[in-house]
Each structure stands twice: as C-alpha cells, then as structure tokens.
Amino acid sequence: MKNPFTSIRLFYKETLTELKKASWPSKIELRDSTCVVLIATVILGSYVALIDFSLMNGVELLTSWVR
C-alpha cells in the first residue's frame, strides 16, 4: 500500500515548482485590473437593478389593470 503522505508531499513540491514558473502581475497591473473589475461590477449591478426595478413596476402596473 502506498503511503498517502508521500503523495501529498510530491503534490506540494510539484505545485511550488509550477508556481515559481508562473508570471505574476506587477502591483500596477494588479491595481489596474482590480479597478476594471470593480467598475464593471458596479455597472453590471446598476444595470441589473434598473431592469429589476423596471420589470417590477411593469408587472405591478399590469396586475393593477387586471383587478
């Protein structure tokens, strides 16, 4: 039976090796990307809120006509 700790240690070592090969963004690139994501999130959230509000009012209007 294979020792599970040997497999875990091998996986950890290979993971560290691959992480050393990766190219990491600079602080400026990271800051700029974060700003883009935050702005896009605000825009998308505002759009969804507007559509939700519009549909809610439309449904209320239609149901008030039916009563």
N, C-alpha and C. Protein backbone atom coordinates (compact mmCIF):
# COMPACT_ATOMS: atom_id res chain seq x y z
N MET A 1 0.85 -1.19 0.00
CA MET A 1 0.00 0.00 0.00
C MET A 1 0.89 1.25 0.00
N LYS A 2 0.52 2.22 -0.82
CA LYS A 2 1.32 3.43 -0.97
C LYS A 2 1.02 4.40 0.18
N ASN A 3 2.07 5.02 0.69
CA ASN A 3 1.94 5.96 1.79
C ASN A 3 1.26 7.24 1.27
N PRO A 4 0.13 7.66 1.86
CA PRO A 4 -0.56 8.85 1.36
C PRO A 4 0.23 10.14 1.59
N PHE A 5 1.07 10.16 2.62
CA PHE A 5 1.85 11.36 2.89
C PHE A 5 2.91 11.60 1.82
N THR A 6 3.40 10.53 1.21
CA THR A 6 4.36 10.67 0.12
C THR A 6 3.69 11.35 -1.07
N SER A 7 2.46 10.95 -1.37
CA SER A 7 1.73 11.57 -2.48
C SER A 7 1.44 13.04 -2.21
N ILE A 8 1.08 13.35 -0.97
CA ILE A 8 0.78 14.74 -0.62
C ILE A 8 2.05 15.59 -0.72
N ARG A 9 3.16 15.07 -0.24
CA ARG A 9 4.43 15.80 -0.30
C ARG A 9 4.85 16.03 -1.75
N LEU A 10 4.69 15.01 -2.60
CA LEU A 10 5.03 15.15 -4.02
C LEU A 10 4.15 16.20 -4.69
N PHE A 11 2.85 16.15 -4.39
CA PHE A 11 1.93 17.14 -4.96
C PHE A 11 2.32 18.55 -4.53
N TYR A 12 2.65 18.74 -3.26
CA TYR A 12 3.03 20.05 -2.73
C TYR A 12 4.31 20.55 -3.42
N LYS A 13 5.27 19.67 -3.59
CA LYS A 13 6.53 20.05 -4.22
C LYS A 13 6.32 20.45 -5.69
N GLU A 14 5.50 19.67 -6.41
CA GLU A 14 5.22 19.99 -7.81
C GLU A 14 4.42 21.29 -7.94
N THR A 15 3.52 21.52 -6.99
CA THR A 15 2.75 22.76 -7.01
C THR A 15 3.66 23.97 -6.83
N LEU A 16 4.58 23.91 -5.89
CA LEU A 16 5.52 25.01 -5.69
C LEU A 16 6.39 25.25 -6.92
N THR A 17 6.81 24.17 -7.56
CA THR A 17 7.62 24.29 -8.77
C THR A 17 6.85 25.02 -9.87
N GLU A 18 5.59 24.65 -10.05
CA GLU A 18 4.77 25.30 -11.08
C GLU A 18 4.50 26.75 -10.73
N LEU A 19 4.29 27.06 -9.46
CA LEU A 19 4.05 28.45 -9.06
C LEU A 19 5.27 29.32 -9.30
N LYS A 20 6.45 28.76 -9.19
CA LYS A 20 7.66 29.53 -9.48
C LYS A 20 7.79 29.85 -10.96
N LYS A 21 7.23 28.99 -11.82
CA LYS A 21 7.28 29.20 -13.26
C LYS A 21 6.27 30.25 -13.72
N ALA A 22 5.23 30.48 -12.94
CA ALA A 22 4.16 31.39 -13.36
C ALA A 22 4.66 32.83 -13.40
N SER A 23 4.07 33.61 -14.29
CA SER A 23 4.39 35.03 -14.34
C SER A 23 3.33 35.77 -13.54
N TRP A 24 3.78 36.54 -12.57
CA TRP A 24 2.88 37.24 -11.67
C TRP A 24 2.77 38.69 -12.10
N PRO A 25 1.58 39.30 -11.95
CA PRO A 25 1.44 40.70 -12.35
C PRO A 25 2.16 41.63 -11.39
N SER A 26 2.55 42.78 -11.92
CA SER A 26 3.17 43.79 -11.06
C SER A 26 2.07 44.46 -10.23
N LYS A 27 2.48 45.27 -9.27
CA LYS A 27 1.49 45.94 -8.42
C LYS A 27 0.61 46.88 -9.23
N ILE A 28 1.20 47.53 -10.23
CA ILE A 28 0.43 48.46 -11.06
C ILE A 28 -0.59 47.70 -11.90
N GLU A 29 -0.17 46.59 -12.50
CA GLU A 29 -1.11 45.77 -13.28
C GLU A 29 -2.23 45.23 -12.40
N LEU A 30 -1.89 44.81 -11.21
CA LEU A 30 -2.88 44.28 -10.29
C LEU A 30 -3.88 45.36 -9.88
N ARG A 31 -3.38 46.57 -9.59
CA ARG A 31 -4.25 47.68 -9.22
C ARG A 31 -5.19 48.05 -10.36
N ASP A 32 -4.63 48.13 -11.58
CA ASP A 32 -5.45 48.49 -12.74
C ASP A 32 -6.52 47.44 -13.01
N SER A 33 -6.15 46.18 -12.92
CA SER A 33 -7.12 45.11 -13.15
C SER A 33 -8.21 45.12 -12.09
N THR A 34 -7.85 45.40 -10.86
CA THR A 34 -8.83 45.47 -9.78
C THR A 34 -9.81 46.61 -10.02
N CYS A 35 -9.31 47.75 -10.47
CA CYS A 35 -10.19 48.89 -10.77
C CYS A 35 -11.16 48.54 -11.89
N VAL A 36 -10.68 47.87 -12.92
CA VAL A 36 -11.55 47.49 -14.03
C VAL A 36 -12.65 46.55 -13.55
N VAL A 37 -12.29 45.59 -12.73
CA VAL A 37 -13.28 44.64 -12.22
C VAL A 37 -14.31 45.34 -11.34
N LEU A 38 -13.87 46.23 -10.47
CA LEU A 38 -14.80 46.94 -9.59
C LEU A 38 -15.75 47.84 -10.38
N ILE A 39 -15.22 48.55 -11.36
CA ILE A 39 -16.07 49.41 -12.19
C ILE A 39 -17.07 48.58 -12.99
N ALA A 40 -16.62 47.48 -13.56
CA ALA A 40 -17.52 46.61 -14.33
C ALA A 40 -18.60 46.03 -13.42
N THR A 41 -18.25 45.69 -12.19
CA THR A 41 -19.23 45.15 -11.24
C THR A 41 -20.29 46.18 -10.91
N VAL A 42 -19.87 47.42 -10.70
CA VAL A 42 -20.82 48.49 -10.39
C VAL A 42 -21.75 48.74 -11.59
N ILE A 43 -21.20 48.76 -12.78
CA ILE A 43 -22.02 49.00 -13.97
C ILE A 43 -23.02 47.86 -14.16
N LEU A 44 -22.55 46.63 -14.07
CA LEU A 44 -23.44 45.49 -14.25
C LEU A 44 -24.50 45.44 -13.15
N GLY A 45 -24.12 45.72 -11.92
CA GLY A 45 -25.08 45.73 -10.82
C GLY A 45 -26.14 46.80 -11.02
N SER A 46 -25.73 47.96 -11.48
CA SER A 46 -26.69 49.04 -11.75
C SER A 46 -27.65 48.65 -12.86
N TYR A 47 -27.13 48.02 -13.89
CA TYR A 47 -27.97 47.57 -15.00
C TYR A 47 -29.00 46.55 -14.52
N VAL A 48 -28.57 45.58 -13.75
CA VAL A 48 -29.49 44.55 -13.24
C VAL A 48 -30.53 45.18 -12.32
N ALA A 49 -30.13 46.12 -11.47
CA ALA A 49 -31.07 46.79 -10.58
C ALA A 49 -32.10 47.58 -11.38
N LEU A 50 -31.66 48.27 -12.43
CA LEU A 50 -32.58 49.04 -13.27
C LEU A 50 -33.58 48.13 -13.97
N ILE A 51 -33.12 47.04 -14.54
CA ILE A 51 -34.01 46.09 -15.21
C ILE A 51 -34.98 45.49 -14.21
N ASP A 52 -34.50 45.11 -13.03
CA ASP A 52 -35.35 44.53 -12.00
C ASP A 52 -36.44 45.53 -11.58
N PHE A 53 -36.05 46.77 -11.35
CA PHE A 53 -37.00 47.81 -10.95
C PHE A 53 -38.04 48.03 -12.04
N SER A 54 -37.58 48.09 -13.29
CA SER A 54 -38.50 48.31 -14.41
C SER A 54 -39.49 47.16 -14.55
N LEU A 55 -39.01 45.94 -14.48
CA LEU A 55 -39.91 44.79 -14.60
C LEU A 55 -40.88 44.72 -13.43
N MET A 56 -40.42 45.04 -12.22
CA MET A 56 -41.31 45.02 -11.07
C MET A 56 -42.44 46.03 -11.25
N ASN A 57 -42.10 47.24 -11.67
CA ASN A 57 -43.14 48.25 -11.89
C ASN A 57 -44.06 47.87 -13.04
N GLY A 58 -43.52 47.26 -14.08
CA GLY A 58 -44.36 46.82 -15.19
C GLY A 58 -45.34 45.75 -14.77
N VAL A 59 -44.90 44.80 -13.99
CA VAL A 59 -45.80 43.74 -13.51
C VAL A 59 -46.85 44.32 -12.57
N GLU A 60 -46.46 45.23 -11.69
CA GLU A 60 -47.44 45.88 -10.81
C GLU A 60 -48.48 46.65 -11.60
N LEU A 61 -48.05 47.33 -12.65
CA LEU A 61 -48.98 48.07 -13.50
C LEU A 61 -49.97 47.12 -14.17
N LEU A 62 -49.46 46.03 -14.72
CA LEU A 62 -50.34 45.07 -15.38
C LEU A 62 -51.32 44.42 -14.39
N THR A 63 -50.85 44.10 -13.22
CA THR A 63 -51.76 43.47 -12.24
C THR A 63 -52.78 44.46 -11.70
N SER A 64 -52.44 45.75 -11.65
CA SER A 64 -53.42 46.74 -11.21
C SER A 64 -54.51 46.92 -12.26
N TRP A 65 -54.18 46.75 -13.55
CA TRP A 65 -55.19 46.85 -14.60
C TRP A 65 -56.15 45.67 -14.55
N VAL A 66 -55.67 44.50 -14.15
CA VAL A 66 -56.49 43.30 -14.14
C VAL A 66 -57.50 43.33 -13.00
N ARG A 67 -57.14 43.91 -11.88
CA ARG A 67 -58.04 43.94 -10.72
C ARG A 67 -59.26 44.70 -10.99
